[in-house]
Amino acid sequence: MTTVRREAFGRMPPEEGGGEVEKFVLESDSVRVEILSFGCIITTLETKDRDGRFSDIVLGFDTLEGYRGKHPFFGCVVGRVANRIANGKFNLDGKDYQLFINNGPNSLHGGAKGFDKFLWSAEVLPNGVRFFRLSPDGEEGYPGDLKVWVTYTLSGRELAINYQAQTSKTTPINLTNHAYFNLAGQGSRDVYDHEISIEADSYLPVDSTQIPTGEVATVEGTGFDLRKPVELGKHLQKFHLDGFDHNFCLHQGQDRRLGARVFHPPTGRTMEVHTTQPGIQFYTGNFLDGSLKGKGAATYPKHSAFCLETQNWPDAVNKPHFPNALLRPGEEYNHTTWLVFSTA
C-alpha cells in the first residue's frame, strides 16, 4: 500500500512566473520518497537498513533556493538530451543545429536551462505522481514542440520512473534521473565501501572532454569489468582510476533488465537498477568538491556519492552506429527505470 500526499515547498521568483513548487511524498512500508514539481527532483529517498532503520540515501538541499542555484544536477530529471553532445552540434535532415556549450567544448544535460530548471505541472496518481511539461520548438536550440511526461510510482520496495514523450518535429531525446546515492546515508564521507556490479560486457571509452571516441570496447581484462561485484575503493586503487564517468553498454532489447546492483555491507542496504534503456552512466562524484552545503548542513566531497544514470549512449546523435537517439513525429518515446531496494 502506497500513500501519496502533496504539500507546498516554495515559490518560484516573480521573474520566473511566481508559481508554487509542490513536494509529493510517496510512502510504502519500506521506502519513502519526496519529489518536487520543480525539475521532477527526488529530494529525499529513505530506505531501511538490515535493522529496519530508515536513512536518506540521496544527496540534495533543504530548500528550493539550493536547487534553483548552480549544482551538479542533484536528483533531477535532465533533458532534452541527457549527457554530452560533442561541440553542442548535430545535423538533422541536412540542417545544422548549434546548442549552448556548458561543459568544456560540449553541451551537457540539455544546455543553459534544461528540464531540471523548470516547474512542471503535476497530477497525483493512486501510487505516485505524474509530471508534464511542453518543451517548445527551439528551446535550447532543439527542434520540435516536445510533450514530456515523467511518472514516479512506488510499489513496496520498488520505485519506477517512466518517461514518455511526443514531438512535432524530429528531435534527439535522452531522458534520465540524476540522483546521487550513498547507501550509508547522505552526508557520509565516501562510497569506497560499496560493492557494485554492472551487467555490461562493453563500455564507451572517452576523449579528454568526456565524449565517446566511437569505439565500443570490451570490459574484459580492464578496470571497467564490473560483471562481478567489486568493492569500489579497492577497485579504483587497483586500476589507478580517479573514478568512473562512463557509459556501460547494457544488453540490447526493449524489455526490463537488470543494469546494476549496489550493496553496502555495513548497513545491508542493496539497490538494483533495472531499465529498458541501452546504457547506464556510472559516475562516482568525481567533480564533487565539498563546496556545496547540502541537507542538514552536510558537505559532499569527491566520491561521496555515485550516480547510475540510465540512458541512451552519449553523443548518439552524432554516432550512427550507436542506438537511435531520434524521436520522430507520430512515434512515442517510452522508457522506464526501476530502483529496487532490499537488505542483505
C-alpha atoms as a PDB file:
ATOM      1  CA  MET A   1       0.000   0.000   0.000  1.00  0.00           C
ATOM      2  CA  THR A   2       1.417   3.356  -1.059  1.00  0.00           C
ATOM      3  CA  THR A   3       0.253   6.669   0.336  1.00  0.00           C
ATOM      4  CA  VAL A   4       0.691   9.886  -1.633  1.00  0.00           C
ATOM      5  CA  ARG A   5       0.417  13.399  -0.305  1.00  0.00           C
ATOM      6  CA  ARG A   6       1.278  16.820  -1.661  1.00  0.00           C
ATOM      7  CA  GLU A   7       2.475  19.883   0.215  1.00  0.00           C
ATOM      8  CA  ALA A   8       3.921  23.318  -0.572  1.00  0.00           C
ATOM      9  CA  PHE A   9       7.712  23.508  -0.850  1.00  0.00           C
ATOM     10  CA  GLY A  10       8.335  27.043  -2.064  1.00  0.00           C
ATOM     11  CA  ARG A  11       7.599  29.557  -4.768  1.00  0.00           C
ATOM     12  CA  MET A  12       9.350  30.499  -7.988  1.00  0.00           C
ATOM     13  CA  PRO A  13      10.560  34.109  -8.171  1.00  0.00           C
ATOM     14  CA  PRO A  14       8.294  36.626  -9.952  1.00  0.00           C
ATOM     15  CA  GLU A  15      10.641  36.844 -12.962  1.00  0.00           C
ATOM     16  CA  GLU A  16      10.116  33.092 -13.496  1.00  0.00           C
ATOM     17  CA  GLY A  17       6.331  33.219 -13.205  1.00  0.00           C
ATOM     18  CA  GLY A  18       5.997  33.032  -9.418  1.00  0.00           C
ATOM     19  CA  GLY A  19       4.437  29.557  -9.498  1.00  0.00           C
ATOM     20  CA  GLU A  20       4.112  27.378  -6.428  1.00  0.00           C
ATOM     21  CA  VAL A  21       6.553  24.479  -6.150  1.00  0.00           C
ATOM     22  CA  GLU A  22       4.989  21.406  -4.594  1.00  0.00           C
ATOM     23  CA  LYS A  23       6.531  18.404  -2.891  1.00  0.00           C
ATOM     24  CA  PHE A  24       4.986  14.960  -3.345  1.00  0.00           C
ATOM     25  CA  VAL A  25       5.593  12.369  -0.628  1.00  0.00           C
ATOM     26  CA  LEU A  26       5.272   8.726  -1.688  1.00  0.00           C
ATOM     27  CA  GLU A  27       5.403   6.218   1.153  1.00  0.00           C
ATOM     28  CA  SER A  28       5.284   2.424   1.411  1.00  0.00           C
ATOM     29  CA  ASP A  29       6.234   0.108   4.274  1.00  0.00           C
ATOM     30  CA  SER A  30       9.868   0.058   3.182  1.00  0.00           C
ATOM     31  CA  VAL A  31      10.526   3.221   1.127  1.00  0.00           C
ATOM     32  CA  ARG A  32       9.755   6.920   1.475  1.00  0.00           C
ATOM     33  CA  VAL A  33      10.465   9.295  -1.386  1.00  0.00           C
ATOM     34  CA  GLU A  34       9.912  13.040  -1.803  1.00  0.00           C
ATOM     35  CA  ILE A  35       9.753  14.586  -5.289  1.00  0.00           C
ATOM     36  CA  LEU A  36       9.406  18.218  -6.357  1.00  0.00           C
ATOM     37  CA  SER A  37       7.372  19.664  -9.218  1.00  0.00           C
ATOM     38  CA  PHE A  38      10.499  21.751  -9.927  1.00  0.00           C
ATOM     39  CA  GLY A  39      12.773  19.658 -12.146  1.00  0.00           C
ATOM     40  CA  CYS A  40      10.966  16.444 -11.063  1.00  0.00           C
ATOM     41  CA  ILE A  41      13.664  16.336  -8.385  1.00  0.00           C
ATOM     42  CA  ILE A  42      13.989  13.452  -5.930  1.00  0.00           C
ATOM     43  CA  THR A  43      14.913  15.388  -2.784  1.00  0.00           C
ATOM     44  CA  THR A  44      14.668  12.553  -0.263  1.00  0.00           C
ATOM     45  CA  LEU A  45      14.787   8.777  -0.576  1.00  0.00           C
ATOM     46  CA  GLU A  46      14.633   6.866   2.674  1.00  0.00           C
ATOM     47  CA  THR A  47      15.175   3.103   2.799  1.00  0.00           C
ATOM     48  CA  LYS A  48      15.698   0.615   5.620  1.00  0.00           C
ATOM     49  CA  ASP A  49      18.967  -0.936   6.735  1.00  0.00           C
ATOM     50  CA  ARG A  50      19.131  -4.551   7.920  1.00  0.00           C
ATOM     51  CA  ASP A  51      17.984  -3.459  11.405  1.00  0.00           C
ATOM     52  CA  GLY A  52      14.914  -1.714   9.993  1.00  0.00           C
ATOM     53  CA  ARG A  53      16.262   1.812  10.473  1.00  0.00           C
ATOM     54  CA  PHE A  54      15.482   4.382   7.769  1.00  0.00           C
ATOM     55  CA  SER A  55      18.147   6.662   6.294  1.00  0.00           C
ATOM     56  CA  ASP A  56      18.036   9.194   3.487  1.00  0.00           C
ATOM     57  CA  ILE A  57      20.334   7.859   0.742  1.00  0.00           C
ATOM     58  CA  VAL A  58      20.290  10.719  -1.823  1.00  0.00           C
ATOM     59  CA  LEU A  59      22.229  13.996  -1.874  1.00  0.00           C
ATOM     60  CA  GLY A  60      20.359  17.282  -2.119  1.00  0.00           C
ATOM     61  CA  PHE A  61      19.282  20.501  -0.424  1.00  0.00           C
ATOM     62  CA  ASP A  62      16.845  21.515   2.285  1.00  0.00           C
ATOM     63  CA  THR A  63      15.398  24.441   0.333  1.00  0.00           C
ATOM     64  CA  LEU A  64      14.211  25.373  -3.140  1.00  0.00           C
ATOM     65  CA  GLU A  65      16.960  28.003  -3.331  1.00  0.00           C
ATOM     66  CA  GLY A  66      19.573  25.242  -3.276  1.00  0.00           C
ATOM     67  CA  TYR A  67      18.001  23.514  -6.254  1.00  0.00           C
ATOM     68  CA  ARG A  68      17.438  26.757  -8.170  1.00  0.00           C
ATOM     69  CA  GLY A  69      21.113  27.660  -7.816  1.00  0.00           C
ATOM     70  CA  LYS A  70      24.062  26.058  -9.570  1.00  0.00           C
ATOM     71  CA  HIS A  71      24.585  22.448  -8.543  1.00  0.00           C
ATOM     72  CA  PRO A  72      25.578  19.169 -10.201  1.00  0.00           C
ATOM     73  CA  PHE A  73      22.010  18.087 -11.086  1.00  0.00           C
ATOM     74  CA  PHE A  74      21.176  16.553  -7.687  1.00  0.00           C
ATOM     75  CA  GLY A  75      18.142  14.278  -8.040  1.00  0.00           C
ATOM     76  CA  CYS A  76      16.649  15.923 -11.115  1.00  0.00           C
ATOM     77  CA  VAL A  77      15.326  14.850 -14.479  1.00  0.00           C
ATOM     78  CA  VAL A  78      17.697  16.032 -17.205  1.00  0.00           C
ATOM     79  CA  GLY A  79      16.769  16.706 -20.822  1.00  0.00           C
ATOM     80  CA  ARG A  80      16.009  17.311 -23.618  1.00  0.00           C
ATOM     81  CA  VAL A  81      19.216  15.300 -24.073  1.00  0.00           C
ATOM     82  CA  ALA A  82      20.988  13.894 -21.038  1.00  0.00           C
ATOM     83  CA  ASN A  83      24.770  13.588 -21.075  1.00  0.00           C
ATOM     84  CA  ARG A  84      27.107  15.200 -23.616  1.00  0.00           C
ATOM     85  CA  ILE A  85      26.764  16.211 -27.263  1.00  0.00           C
ATOM     86  CA  ALA A  86      30.135  16.855 -28.920  1.00  0.00           C
ATOM     87  CA  ASN A  87      30.724  20.568 -29.568  1.00  0.00           C
ATOM     88  CA  GLY A  88      26.988  21.106 -28.967  1.00  0.00           C
ATOM     89  CA  LYS A  89      26.391  20.318 -32.649  1.00  0.00           C
ATOM     90  CA  PHE A  90      24.328  17.878 -34.662  1.00  0.00           C
ATOM     91  CA  ASN A  91      22.907  17.623 -38.168  1.00  0.00           C
ATOM     92  CA  LEU A  92      19.349  16.523 -38.813  1.00  0.00           C
ATOM     93  CA  ASP A  93      17.877  16.045 -42.289  1.00  0.00           C
ATOM     94  CA  GLY A  94      20.580  18.272 -43.747  1.00  0.00           C
ATOM     95  CA  LYS A  95      20.188  21.090 -41.232  1.00  0.00           C
ATOM     96  CA  ASP A  96      22.867  22.030 -38.669  1.00  0.00           C
ATOM     97  CA  TYR A  97      21.856  22.686 -35.088  1.00  0.00           C
ATOM     98  CA  GLN A  98      24.026  24.507 -32.543  1.00  0.00           C
ATOM     99  CA  LEU A  99      23.341  24.091 -28.816  1.00  0.00           C
ATOM    100  CA  PHE A 100      24.592  26.026 -25.801  1.00  0.00           C
ATOM    101  CA  ILE A 101      28.119  24.995 -24.748  1.00  0.00           C
ATOM    102  CA  ASN A 102      28.201  24.412 -20.972  1.00  0.00           C
ATOM    103  CA  ASN A 103      30.730  21.620 -20.335  1.00  0.00           C
ATOM    104  CA  GLY A 104      34.176  22.313 -21.775  1.00  0.00           C
ATOM    105  CA  PRO A 105      33.588  22.405 -25.552  1.00  0.00           C
ATOM    106  CA  ASN A 106      30.387  20.345 -25.286  1.00  0.00           C
ATOM    107  CA  SER A 107      26.701  20.645 -24.439  1.00  0.00           C
ATOM    108  CA  LEU A 108      25.668  18.765 -21.286  1.00  0.00           C
ATOM    109  CA  HIS A 109      22.270  17.722 -19.870  1.00  0.00           C
ATOM    110  CA  GLY A 110      20.066  19.939 -22.020  1.00  0.00           C
ATOM    111  CA  GLY A 111      22.058  23.186 -22.136  1.00  0.00           C
ATOM    112  CA  ALA A 112      21.845  26.504 -20.284  1.00  0.00           C
ATOM    113  CA  LYS A 113      18.380  25.826 -18.870  1.00  0.00           C
ATOM    114  CA  GLY A 114      17.483  22.173 -19.122  1.00  0.00           C
ATOM    115  CA  PHE A 115      14.422  20.299 -17.908  1.00  0.00           C
ATOM    116  CA  ASP A 116      15.862  20.378 -14.361  1.00  0.00           C
ATOM    117  CA  LYS A 117      15.280  24.149 -14.054  1.00  0.00           C
ATOM    118  CA  PHE A 118      11.577  24.249 -14.981  1.00  0.00           C
ATOM    119  CA  LEU A 119       8.369  23.999 -12.994  1.00  0.00           C
ATOM    120  CA  TRP A 120       6.299  21.038 -14.215  1.00  0.00           C
ATOM    121  CA  SER A 121       2.552  20.541 -13.844  1.00  0.00           C
ATOM    122  CA  ALA A 122       1.640  17.614 -11.598  1.00  0.00           C
ATOM    123  CA  GLU A 123      -1.128  15.060 -11.294  1.00  0.00           C
ATOM    124  CA  VAL A 124      -1.457  12.773  -8.270  1.00  0.00           C
ATOM    125  CA  LEU A 125      -1.912   9.057  -9.022  1.00  0.00           C
ATOM    126  CA  PRO A 126      -3.080   6.336  -6.601  1.00  0.00           C
ATOM    127  CA  ASN A 127       0.522   5.203  -6.014  1.00  0.00           C
ATOM    128  CA  GLY A 128       2.581   8.089  -7.364  1.00  0.00           C
ATOM    129  CA  VAL A 129       2.738  11.328  -9.318  1.00  0.00           C
ATOM    130  CA  ARG A 130       2.886  12.260 -12.999  1.00  0.00           C
ATOM    131  CA  PHE A 131       4.615  15.429 -14.174  1.00  0.00           C
ATOM    132  CA  PHE A 132       4.128  17.126 -17.538  1.00  0.00           C
ATOM    133  CA  ARG A 133       5.720  19.934 -19.489  1.00  0.00           C
ATOM    134  CA  LEU A 134       5.808  21.174 -23.064  1.00  0.00           C
ATOM    135  CA  SER A 135       9.314  21.965 -24.271  1.00  0.00           C
ATOM    136  CA  PRO A 136       8.681  24.441 -27.105  1.00  0.00           C
ATOM    137  CA  ASP A 137      10.234  24.263 -30.563  1.00  0.00           C
ATOM    138  CA  GLY A 138      13.657  25.897 -30.430  1.00  0.00           C
ATOM    139  CA  GLU A 139      14.106  25.632 -26.654  1.00  0.00           C
ATOM    140  CA  GLU A 140      17.858  25.389 -26.031  1.00  0.00           C
ATOM    141  CA  GLY A 141      18.288  25.011 -29.796  1.00  0.00           C
ATOM    142  CA  TYR A 142      16.347  21.749 -30.128  1.00  0.00           C
ATOM    143  CA  PRO A 143      13.722  21.281 -32.868  1.00  0.00           C
ATOM    144  CA  GLY A 144      10.054  20.499 -32.296  1.00  0.00           C
ATOM    145  CA  ASP A 145       7.398  21.022 -29.640  1.00  0.00           C
ATOM    146  CA  LEU A 146       8.118  18.153 -27.260  1.00  0.00           C
ATOM    147  CA  LYS A 147       5.450  16.960 -24.845  1.00  0.00           C
ATOM    148  CA  VAL A 148       7.035  15.163 -21.910  1.00  0.00           C
ATOM    149  CA  TRP A 149       5.520  13.074 -19.116  1.00  0.00           C
ATOM    150  CA  VAL A 150       7.588  11.777 -16.198  1.00  0.00           C
ATOM    151  CA  THR A 151       5.794   9.387 -13.840  1.00  0.00           C
ATOM    152  CA  TYR A 152       7.069   8.206 -10.459  1.00  0.00           C
ATOM    153  CA  THR A 153       5.271   5.258  -8.855  1.00  0.00           C
ATOM    154  CA  LEU A 154       6.118   3.422  -5.655  1.00  0.00           C
ATOM    155  CA  SER A 155       5.114  -0.205  -5.108  1.00  0.00           C
ATOM    156  CA  GLY A 156       6.503  -1.768  -1.949  1.00  0.00           C
ATOM    157  CA  ARG A 157      10.282  -1.579  -2.252  1.00  0.00           C
ATOM    158  CA  GLU A 158      10.309  -0.599  -5.932  1.00  0.00           C
ATOM    159  CA  LEU A 159      10.378   2.957  -7.280  1.00  0.00           C
ATOM    160  CA  ALA A 160       9.562   3.166 -11.007  1.00  0.00           C
ATOM    161  CA  ILE A 161      10.360   6.198 -13.181  1.00  0.00           C
ATOM    162  CA  ASN A 162       8.646   6.244 -16.573  1.00  0.00           C
ATOM    163  CA  TYR A 163       9.488   8.740 -19.305  1.00  0.00           C
ATOM    164  CA  GLN A 164       7.171   9.378 -22.252  1.00  0.00           C
ATOM    165  CA  ALA A 165       7.434  11.980 -24.990  1.00  0.00           C
ATOM    166  CA  GLN A 166       5.912  13.026 -28.329  1.00  0.00           C
ATOM    167  CA  THR A 167       7.305  15.563 -30.757  1.00  0.00           C
ATOM    168  CA  SER A 168       6.077  17.774 -33.620  1.00  0.00           C
ATOM    169  CA  LYS A 169       9.472  17.621 -35.421  1.00  0.00           C
ATOM    170  CA  THR A 170      12.265  15.064 -35.430  1.00  0.00           C
ATOM    171  CA  THR A 171      14.488  15.691 -32.401  1.00  0.00           C
ATOM    172  CA  PRO A 172      17.180  13.965 -30.387  1.00  0.00           C
ATOM    173  CA  ILE A 173      15.974  12.939 -26.934  1.00  0.00           C
ATOM    174  CA  ASN A 174      17.536  11.202 -23.942  1.00  0.00           C
ATOM    175  CA  LEU A 175      15.878  11.464 -20.518  1.00  0.00           C
ATOM    176  CA  THR A 176      17.248  10.275 -17.198  1.00  0.00           C
ATOM    177  CA  ASN A 177      17.225  10.988 -13.476  1.00  0.00           C
ATOM    178  CA  HIS A 178      20.474  12.271 -11.980  1.00  0.00           C
ATOM    179  CA  ALA A 179      20.109  11.168  -8.344  1.00  0.00           C
ATOM    180  CA  TYR A 180      23.322  10.889  -6.332  1.00  0.00           C
ATOM    181  CA  PHE A 181      23.266   7.917  -3.958  1.00  0.00           C
ATOM    182  CA  ASN A 182      25.174   6.928  -0.847  1.00  0.00           C
ATOM    183  CA  LEU A 183      23.728   3.783   0.740  1.00  0.00           C
ATOM    184  CA  ALA A 184      25.421   4.609   4.056  1.00  0.00           C
ATOM    185  CA  GLY A 185      23.211   7.719   4.162  1.00  0.00           C
ATOM    186  CA  GLN A 186      23.635  11.125   2.523  1.00  0.00           C
ATOM    187  CA  GLY A 187      26.429  13.131   4.117  1.00  0.00           C
ATOM    188  CA  SER A 188      28.608  10.043   4.600  1.00  0.00           C
ATOM    189  CA  ARG A 189      32.206  10.682   3.625  1.00  0.00           C
ATOM    190  CA  ASP A 190      32.653   8.384   0.605  1.00  0.00           C
ATOM    191  CA  VAL A 191      31.324   5.331  -1.239  1.00  0.00           C
ATOM    192  CA  TYR A 192      34.542   3.291  -1.155  1.00  0.00           C
ATOM    193  CA  ASP A 193      32.944   0.538   0.963  1.00  0.00           C
ATOM    194  CA  HIS A 194      30.102  -0.010  -1.545  1.00  0.00           C
ATOM    195  CA  GLU A 195      30.152  -3.132  -3.695  1.00  0.00           C
ATOM    196  CA  ILE A 196      28.967  -2.614  -7.265  1.00  0.00           C
ATOM    197  CA  SER A 197      28.276  -4.772 -10.269  1.00  0.00           C
ATOM    198  CA  ILE A 198      27.127  -3.673 -13.742  1.00  0.00           C
ATOM    199  CA  GLU A 199      25.659  -6.073 -16.295  1.00  0.00           C
ATOM    200  CA  ALA A 200      27.762  -4.870 -19.211  1.00  0.00           C
ATOM    201  CA  ASP A 201      30.220  -6.677 -21.490  1.00  0.00           C
ATOM    202  CA  SER A 202      31.315  -3.408 -23.088  1.00  0.00           C
ATOM    203  CA  TYR A 203      31.730   0.279 -22.315  1.00  0.00           C
ATOM    204  CA  LEU A 204      32.436   3.502 -24.217  1.00  0.00           C
ATOM    205  CA  PRO A 205      35.987   4.915 -23.940  1.00  0.00           C
ATOM    206  CA  VAL A 206      36.008   8.727 -23.938  1.00  0.00           C
ATOM    207  CA  ASP A 207      38.319  11.512 -25.050  1.00  0.00           C
ATOM    208  CA  SER A 208      39.742  14.221 -22.797  1.00  0.00           C
ATOM    209  CA  THR A 209      36.394  16.106 -22.884  1.00  0.00           C
ATOM    210  CA  GLN A 210      34.355  13.019 -21.865  1.00  0.00           C
ATOM    211  CA  ILE A 211      32.920  12.443 -25.363  1.00  0.00           C
ATOM    212  CA  PRO A 212      32.840   8.791 -26.508  1.00  0.00           C
ATOM    213  CA  THR A 213      35.536   8.101 -29.111  1.00  0.00           C
ATOM    214  CA  GLY A 214      33.109   5.893 -31.039  1.00  0.00           C
ATOM    215  CA  GLU A 215      34.770   2.656 -30.002  1.00  0.00           C
ATOM    216  CA  VAL A 216      32.624   0.083 -28.201  1.00  0.00           C
ATOM    217  CA  ALA A 217      35.282  -1.599 -26.069  1.00  0.00           C
ATOM    218  CA  THR A 218      35.148  -4.894 -24.224  1.00  0.00           C
ATOM    219  CA  VAL A 219      35.380  -4.664 -20.433  1.00  0.00           C
ATOM    220  CA  GLU A 220      37.347  -7.933 -20.367  1.00  0.00           C
ATOM    221  CA  GLY A 221      40.675  -7.540 -18.574  1.00  0.00           C
ATOM    222  CA  THR A 222      40.120  -3.866 -17.719  1.00  0.00           C
ATOM    223  CA  GLY A 223      39.070  -1.810 -14.716  1.00  0.00           C
ATOM    224  CA  PHE A 224      35.668  -1.496 -16.403  1.00  0.00           C
ATOM    225  CA  ASP A 225      34.851  -5.168 -15.894  1.00  0.00           C
ATOM    226  CA  LEU A 226      32.207  -4.863 -13.184  1.00  0.00           C
ATOM    227  CA  ARG A 227      30.283  -8.001 -14.131  1.00  0.00           C
ATOM    228  CA  LYS A 228      31.195  -9.460 -10.745  1.00  0.00           C
ATOM    229  CA  PRO A 229      30.823  -7.257  -7.634  1.00  0.00           C
ATOM    230  CA  VAL A 230      33.854  -5.155  -6.696  1.00  0.00           C
ATOM    231  CA  GLU A 231      34.494  -3.056  -3.611  1.00  0.00           C
ATOM    232  CA  LEU A 232      34.708   0.397  -5.112  1.00  0.00           C
ATOM    233  CA  GLY A 233      37.620   1.942  -3.178  1.00  0.00           C
ATOM    234  CA  LYS A 234      39.910  -1.045  -3.591  1.00  0.00           C
ATOM    235  CA  HIS A 235      38.949  -1.371  -7.253  1.00  0.00           C
ATOM    236  CA  LEU A 236      39.800   2.281  -8.007  1.00  0.00           C
ATOM    237  CA  GLN A 237      43.185   1.815  -6.315  1.00  0.00           C
ATOM    238  CA  LYS A 238      43.939  -1.466  -8.070  1.00  0.00           C
ATOM    239  CA  PHE A 239      43.343   0.002 -11.522  1.00  0.00           C
ATOM    240  CA  HIS A 240      44.691   3.518 -10.703  1.00  0.00           C
ATOM    241  CA  LEU A 241      41.367   5.103 -11.617  1.00  0.00           C
ATOM    242  CA  ASP A 242      40.341   8.582 -10.462  1.00  0.00           C
ATOM    243  CA  GLY A 243      36.732   7.451 -10.615  1.00  0.00           C
ATOM    244  CA  PHE A 244      34.140   6.483 -13.188  1.00  0.00           C
ATOM    245  CA  ASP A 245      32.197   8.750 -15.535  1.00  0.00           C
ATOM    246  CA  HIS A 246      31.472   6.293 -18.322  1.00  0.00           C
ATOM    247  CA  ASN A 247      28.617   4.728 -20.238  1.00  0.00           C
ATOM    248  CA  PHE A 248      28.272   0.985 -19.807  1.00  0.00           C
ATOM    249  CA  CYS A 249      26.546  -0.777 -22.707  1.00  0.00           C
ATOM    250  CA  LEU A 250      23.729  -2.971 -21.452  1.00  0.00           C
ATOM    251  CA  HIS A 251      22.368  -5.999 -23.259  1.00  0.00           C
ATOM    252  CA  GLN A 252      20.089  -4.717 -26.012  1.00  0.00           C
ATOM    253  CA  GLY A 253      16.312  -5.182 -26.073  1.00  0.00           C
ATOM    254  CA  GLN A 254      13.210  -3.221 -25.156  1.00  0.00           C
ATOM    255  CA  ASP A 255      12.305  -5.262 -22.100  1.00  0.00           C
ATOM    256  CA  ARG A 256      13.125  -4.619 -18.490  1.00  0.00           C
ATOM    257  CA  ARG A 257      16.507  -5.972 -17.484  1.00  0.00           C
ATOM    258  CA  LEU A 258      18.922  -5.691 -14.592  1.00  0.00           C
ATOM    259  CA  GLY A 259      21.514  -2.994 -15.233  1.00  0.00           C
ATOM    260  CA  ALA A 260      23.385  -2.610 -11.960  1.00  0.00           C
ATOM    261  CA  ARG A 261      23.431  -3.724  -8.353  1.00  0.00           C
ATOM    262  CA  VAL A 262      24.969  -1.906  -5.390  1.00  0.00           C
ATOM    263  CA  PHE A 263      25.418  -3.426  -1.930  1.00  0.00           C
ATOM    264  CA  HIS A 264      26.594  -1.656   1.231  1.00  0.00           C
ATOM    265  CA  PRO A 265      27.872  -4.351   3.627  1.00  0.00           C
ATOM    266  CA  PRO A 266      27.909  -2.244   6.838  1.00  0.00           C
ATOM    267  CA  THR A 267      24.172  -1.433   6.622  1.00  0.00           C
ATOM    268  CA  GLY A 268      22.987  -4.287   4.410  1.00  0.00           C
ATOM    269  CA  ARG A 269      21.305  -1.845   2.029  1.00  0.00           C
ATOM    270  CA  THR A 270      21.039  -3.066  -1.543  1.00  0.00           C
ATOM    271  CA  MET A 271      19.845  -1.204  -4.614  1.00  0.00           C
ATOM    272  CA  GLU A 272      19.186  -2.755  -8.001  1.00  0.00           C
ATOM    273  CA  VAL A 273      18.689  -0.678 -11.145  1.00  0.00           C
ATOM    274  CA  HIS A 274      16.507  -2.234 -13.841  1.00  0.00           C
ATOM    275  CA  THR A 275      15.803  -0.437 -17.104  1.00  0.00           C
ATOM    276  CA  THR A 276      14.607  -0.552 -20.707  1.00  0.00           C
ATOM    277  CA  GLN A 277      17.446   1.790 -21.746  1.00  0.00           C
ATOM    278  CA  PRO A 278      20.529   0.628 -23.706  1.00  0.00           C
ATOM    279  CA  GLY A 279      23.071   2.288 -21.418  1.00  0.00           C
ATOM    280  CA  ILE A 280      23.888   3.336 -17.905  1.00  0.00           C
ATOM    281  CA  GLN A 281      26.284   6.146 -16.953  1.00  0.00           C
ATOM    282  CA  PHE A 282      28.203   5.134 -13.845  1.00  0.00           C
ATOM    283  CA  TYR A 283      29.534   8.282 -12.201  1.00  0.00           C
ATOM    284  CA  THR A 284      31.382   8.358  -8.888  1.00  0.00           C
ATOM    285  CA  GLY A 285      31.002  12.041  -7.979  1.00  0.00           C
ATOM    286  CA  ASN A 286      34.489  12.917  -9.249  1.00  0.00           C
ATOM    287  CA  PHE A 287      33.629  16.622  -9.502  1.00  0.00           C
ATOM    288  CA  LEU A 288      32.078  16.966  -6.047  1.00  0.00           C
ATOM    289  CA  ASP A 289      34.443  19.131  -4.013  1.00  0.00           C
ATOM    290  CA  GLY A 290      32.760  19.765  -0.653  1.00  0.00           C
ATOM    291  CA  SER A 291      31.856  23.353  -1.514  1.00  0.00           C
ATOM    292  CA  LEU A 292      28.069  22.881  -1.544  1.00  0.00           C
ATOM    293  CA  LYS A 293      26.084  22.871   1.683  1.00  0.00           C
ATOM    294  CA  GLY A 294      23.622  20.012   1.463  1.00  0.00           C
ATOM    295  CA  LYS A 295      20.813  18.645   3.607  1.00  0.00           C
ATOM    296  CA  GLY A 296      21.298  19.092   7.331  1.00  0.00           C
ATOM    297  CA  ALA A 297      24.457  21.167   6.640  1.00  0.00           C
ATOM    298  CA  ALA A 298      26.179  18.098   5.132  1.00  0.00           C
ATOM    299  CA  THR A 299      29.083  18.672   2.756  1.00  0.00           C
ATOM    300  CA  TYR A 300      29.636  16.485  -0.265  1.00  0.00           C
ATOM    301  CA  PRO A 301      33.317  15.833  -1.017  1.00  0.00           C
ATOM    302  CA  LYS A 302      34.714  13.958  -4.024  1.00  0.00           C
ATOM    303  CA  HIS A 303      33.490  10.341  -4.246  1.00  0.00           C
ATOM    304  CA  SER A 304      30.837  10.892  -1.549  1.00  0.00           C
ATOM    305  CA  ALA A 305      28.115   9.548  -3.861  1.00  0.00           C
ATOM    306  CA  PHE A 306      27.528   7.660  -7.086  1.00  0.00           C
ATOM    307  CA  CYS A 307      25.066   8.006  -9.953  1.00  0.00           C
ATOM    308  CA  LEU A 308      23.648   5.271 -12.159  1.00  0.00           C
ATOM    309  CA  GLU A 309      22.017   7.266 -14.956  1.00  0.00           C
ATOM    310  CA  THR A 310      20.027   5.001 -17.265  1.00  0.00           C
ATOM    311  CA  GLN A 311      20.235   6.462 -20.748  1.00  0.00           C
ATOM    312  CA  ASN A 312      20.924   6.200 -24.412  1.00  0.00           C
ATOM    313  CA  TRP A 313      24.638   6.283 -25.209  1.00  0.00           C
ATOM    314  CA  PRO A 314      26.236   9.761 -25.031  1.00  0.00           C
ATOM    315  CA  ASP A 315      26.611  11.705 -28.295  1.00  0.00           C
ATOM    316  CA  ALA A 316      24.478   9.079 -30.073  1.00  0.00           C
ATOM    317  CA  VAL A 317      23.013  11.814 -32.300  1.00  0.00           C
ATOM    318  CA  ASN A 318      26.497  12.132 -33.886  1.00  0.00           C
ATOM    319  CA  LYS A 319      27.372   8.420 -33.914  1.00  0.00           C
ATOM    320  CA  PRO A 320      25.305   6.461 -36.474  1.00  0.00           C
ATOM    321  CA  HIS A 321      26.434   3.077 -35.057  1.00  0.00           C
ATOM    322  CA  PHE A 322      25.138   3.952 -31.558  1.00  0.00           C
ATOM    323  CA  PRO A 323      21.475   3.203 -30.651  1.00  0.00           C
ATOM    324  CA  ASN A 324      18.968   5.539 -32.293  1.00  0.00           C
ATOM    325  CA  ALA A 325      18.685   8.879 -30.465  1.00  0.00           C
ATOM    326  CA  LEU A 326      15.942  10.415 -32.608  1.00  0.00           C
ATOM    327  CA  LEU A 327      12.230  10.732 -31.933  1.00  0.00           C
ATOM    328  CA  ARG A 328      10.060  11.421 -34.981  1.00  0.00           C
ATOM    329  CA  PRO A 329       6.527  12.830 -35.233  1.00  0.00           C
ATOM    330  CA  GLY A 330       3.941  10.092 -34.702  1.00  0.00           C
ATOM    331  CA  GLU A 331       6.317   7.995 -32.577  1.00  0.00           C
ATOM    332  CA  GLU A 332       6.351   7.742 -28.787  1.00  0.00           C
ATOM    333  CA  TYR A 333       9.445   7.816 -26.620  1.00  0.00           C
ATOM    334  CA  ASN A 334       8.765   5.437 -23.727  1.00  0.00           C
ATOM    335  CA  HIS A 335      11.372   4.203 -21.260  1.00  0.00           C
ATOM    336  CA  THR A 336      11.204   3.031 -17.669  1.00  0.00           C
ATOM    337  CA  THR A 337      13.776   2.608 -14.919  1.00  0.00           C
ATOM    338  CA  TRP A 338      13.091   0.730 -11.699  1.00  0.00           C
ATOM    339  CA  LEU A 339      15.029   1.152  -8.454  1.00  0.00           C
ATOM    340  CA  VAL A 340      14.572  -1.894  -6.229  1.00  0.00           C
ATOM    341  CA  PHE A 341      15.631  -1.676  -2.592  1.00  0.00           C
ATOM    342  CA  SER A 342      16.300  -4.553  -0.186  1.00  0.00           C
ATOM    343  CA  THR A 343      18.632  -5.578   2.617  1.00  0.00           C
ATOM    344  CA  ALA A 344      21.109  -8.423   2.907  1.00  0.00           C
END
